């Protein structure tokens, strides 16, 4: 089993960040607090874009 994108636990003291690749944990380097903040902002933008476009497609398909 593999897991991508990576898994992060930045709300925990350990702030672990890793992938699961072929049933093994592959740890990433430690991120700085600034990198974590930037990553969260980026993720939020990606999610907003995805869900907005997904909802728009649904509305468009029902409106025809």
N, C-alpha and C. Protein backbone atom coordinates (compact mmCIF):
# COMPACT_ATOMS: atom_id res chain seq x y z
N UNK A 1 0.84 -1.18 0.00
CA UNK A 1 0.00 0.00 0.00
C UNK A 1 0.88 1.24 0.00
N UNK A 2 0.48 2.24 -0.75
CA UNK A 2 1.18 3.52 -0.77
C UNK A 2 0.19 4.64 -0.51
N UNK A 3 0.67 5.73 0.02
CA UNK A 3 -0.19 6.89 0.33
C UNK A 3 0.49 8.14 -0.18
N UNK A 4 -0.22 8.86 -1.04
CA UNK A 4 0.28 10.13 -1.53
C UNK A 4 -0.92 11.03 -1.72
N UNK A 5 -0.89 12.26 -1.38
CA UNK A 5 0.26 13.04 -0.93
C UNK A 5 0.69 12.64 0.47
N UNK A 6 1.61 13.39 1.01
CA UNK A 6 2.16 13.06 2.31
C UNK A 6 1.14 13.24 3.43
N UNK A 7 1.47 12.69 4.58
CA UNK A 7 0.65 12.78 5.78
C UNK A 7 1.40 13.68 6.75
N UNK A 8 0.69 14.64 7.31
CA UNK A 8 1.36 15.52 8.27
C UNK A 8 0.59 15.53 9.58
N UNK A 9 1.33 15.74 10.65
CA UNK A 9 0.75 15.82 11.99
C UNK A 9 1.26 17.09 12.67
N UNK A 10 1.09 18.22 11.99
CA UNK A 10 1.67 19.46 12.49
C UNK A 10 0.97 20.01 13.71
N UNK A 11 -0.18 19.48 14.07
CA UNK A 11 -0.86 19.92 15.29
C UNK A 11 -0.34 19.18 16.52
N UNK A 12 0.46 18.16 16.31
CA UNK A 12 1.04 17.42 17.43
C UNK A 12 2.45 17.94 17.73
N UNK A 13 2.94 17.68 18.93
CA UNK A 13 4.28 18.13 19.31
C UNK A 13 5.36 17.59 18.37
N UNK A 14 5.18 16.37 17.88
CA UNK A 14 6.20 15.74 17.04
C UNK A 14 6.29 16.39 15.65
N UNK A 15 5.20 16.99 15.20
CA UNK A 15 5.14 17.61 13.87
C UNK A 15 5.68 16.68 12.79
N UNK A 16 5.31 15.41 12.88
CA UNK A 16 5.80 14.44 11.90
C UNK A 16 5.20 14.69 10.53
N UNK A 17 5.95 14.28 9.52
CA UNK A 17 5.56 14.48 8.13
C UNK A 17 6.16 13.31 7.36
N UNK A 18 5.29 12.54 6.67
CA UNK A 18 5.79 11.32 6.06
C UNK A 18 4.88 10.84 4.94
N UNK A 19 5.36 9.86 4.23
CA UNK A 19 4.59 9.14 3.22
C UNK A 19 4.58 7.67 3.61
N UNK A 20 3.60 6.95 3.10
CA UNK A 20 3.62 5.49 3.23
C UNK A 20 3.87 4.98 1.82
N UNK A 21 4.99 4.29 1.66
CA UNK A 21 5.37 3.76 0.35
C UNK A 21 5.63 2.27 0.48
N UNK A 22 4.83 1.51 -0.23
CA UNK A 22 4.93 0.06 -0.22
C UNK A 22 5.01 -0.46 1.22
N UNK A 23 4.04 -0.05 2.03
CA UNK A 23 3.90 -0.48 3.42
C UNK A 23 5.05 -0.08 4.33
N UNK A 24 5.82 0.93 3.94
CA UNK A 24 6.90 1.44 4.79
C UNK A 24 6.73 2.94 4.97
N UNK A 25 7.09 3.42 6.15
CA UNK A 25 7.01 4.85 6.44
C UNK A 25 8.30 5.51 5.97
N UNK A 26 8.15 6.57 5.17
CA UNK A 26 9.29 7.34 4.70
C UNK A 26 9.11 8.75 5.26
N UNK A 27 9.97 9.11 6.22
CA UNK A 27 9.85 10.40 6.88
C UNK A 27 10.44 11.52 6.03
N UNK A 28 9.79 12.67 6.07
CA UNK A 28 10.30 13.88 5.42
C UNK A 28 11.13 14.66 6.43
N UNK A 29 11.85 15.63 5.93
CA UNK A 29 12.60 16.48 6.85
C UNK A 29 11.64 17.32 7.67
N UNK A 30 12.11 17.86 8.77
CA UNK A 30 11.28 18.73 9.61
C UNK A 30 11.03 20.04 8.88
N UNK A 31 9.79 20.51 8.91
CA UNK A 31 9.45 21.80 8.32
C UNK A 31 9.52 22.88 9.40
N UNK A 32 9.86 24.08 8.99
CA UNK A 32 9.84 25.20 9.92
C UNK A 32 8.40 25.63 10.13
N UNK A 33 8.16 26.42 11.18
CA UNK A 33 6.81 26.92 11.42
C UNK A 33 6.32 27.74 10.23
N UNK A 34 7.21 28.49 9.60
CA UNK A 34 6.84 29.29 8.43
C UNK A 34 6.43 28.40 7.26
N UNK A 35 7.16 27.32 7.03
CA UNK A 35 6.80 26.38 5.96
C UNK A 35 5.45 25.73 6.22
N UNK A 36 5.19 25.40 7.46
CA UNK A 36 3.90 24.80 7.83
C UNK A 36 2.78 25.80 7.54
N UNK A 37 2.98 27.05 7.93
CA UNK A 37 1.98 28.09 7.69
C UNK A 37 1.72 28.25 6.19
N UNK A 38 2.78 28.33 5.41
CA UNK A 38 2.65 28.47 3.96
C UNK A 38 1.96 27.25 3.34
N UNK A 39 2.29 26.06 3.83
CA UNK A 39 1.66 24.84 3.34
C UNK A 39 0.16 24.81 3.61
N UNK A 40 -0.22 25.28 4.77
CA UNK A 40 -1.64 25.32 5.11
C UNK A 40 -2.40 26.31 4.22
N UNK A 41 -1.79 27.46 3.95
CA UNK A 41 -2.42 28.46 3.07
C UNK A 41 -2.58 27.87 1.67
N UNK A 42 -1.53 27.21 1.18
CA UNK A 42 -1.58 26.60 -0.15
C UNK A 42 -2.66 25.52 -0.22
N UNK A 43 -2.72 24.65 0.79
CA UNK A 43 -3.73 23.59 0.82
C UNK A 43 -5.15 24.17 0.82
N UNK A 44 -5.35 25.24 1.59
CA UNK A 44 -6.66 25.86 1.67
C UNK A 44 -7.09 26.39 0.31
N UNK A 45 -6.16 27.02 -0.42
CA UNK A 45 -6.47 27.54 -1.75
C UNK A 45 -6.82 26.41 -2.72
N UNK A 46 -6.06 25.33 -2.67
CA UNK A 46 -6.30 24.18 -3.55
C UNK A 46 -7.68 23.58 -3.27
N UNK A 47 -8.01 23.40 -2.00
CA UNK A 47 -9.30 22.83 -1.62
C UNK A 47 -10.45 23.74 -2.05
N UNK A 48 -10.29 25.04 -1.84
CA UNK A 48 -11.34 25.98 -2.22
C UNK A 48 -11.58 25.93 -3.73
N UNK A 49 -10.51 25.92 -4.50
CA UNK A 49 -10.63 25.86 -5.95
C UNK A 49 -11.30 24.56 -6.39
N UNK A 50 -10.90 23.45 -5.79
CA UNK A 50 -11.46 22.15 -6.15
C UNK A 50 -12.95 22.10 -5.85
N UNK A 51 -13.33 22.46 -4.63
CA UNK A 51 -14.73 22.34 -4.24
C UNK A 51 -15.60 23.36 -4.96
N UNK A 52 -15.08 24.55 -5.24
CA UNK A 52 -15.86 25.53 -5.99
C UNK A 52 -16.12 25.02 -7.40
N UNK A 53 -15.09 24.50 -8.06
CA UNK A 53 -15.28 24.02 -9.43
C UNK A 53 -16.18 22.79 -9.46
N UNK A 54 -16.08 21.94 -8.45
CA UNK A 54 -16.92 20.75 -8.37
C UNK A 54 -18.39 21.14 -8.20
N UNK A 55 -18.65 22.10 -7.32
CA UNK A 55 -20.03 22.56 -7.11
C UNK A 55 -20.55 23.27 -8.35
N UNK A 56 -19.70 24.03 -9.02
CA UNK A 56 -20.11 24.73 -10.23
C UNK A 56 -20.49 23.73 -11.32
N UNK A 57 -19.70 22.66 -11.47
CA UNK A 57 -20.03 21.64 -12.47
C UNK A 57 -21.39 21.02 -12.16
N UNK A 58 -21.68 20.77 -10.88
CA UNK A 58 -22.97 20.18 -10.51
C UNK A 58 -24.10 21.13 -10.86
N UNK A 59 -23.95 22.41 -10.52
CA UNK A 59 -24.99 23.40 -10.82
C UNK A 59 -25.21 23.52 -12.32
N UNK A 60 -24.11 23.57 -13.07
CA UNK A 60 -24.21 23.69 -14.52
C UNK A 60 -24.92 22.49 -15.15
N UNK A 61 -24.63 21.30 -14.66
CA UNK A 61 -25.23 20.11 -15.25
C UNK A 61 -26.73 20.02 -14.94
N UNK A 62 -27.15 20.51 -13.78
CA UNK A 62 -28.58 20.47 -13.45
C UNK A 62 -29.35 21.62 -14.09
N UNK A 63 -28.64 22.69 -14.42
CA UNK A 63 -29.30 23.86 -14.98
C UNK A 63 -29.63 23.75 -16.45
N UNK A 64 -29.16 22.69 -17.11
CA UNK A 64 -29.39 22.56 -18.55
C UNK A 64 -30.68 21.84 -18.84
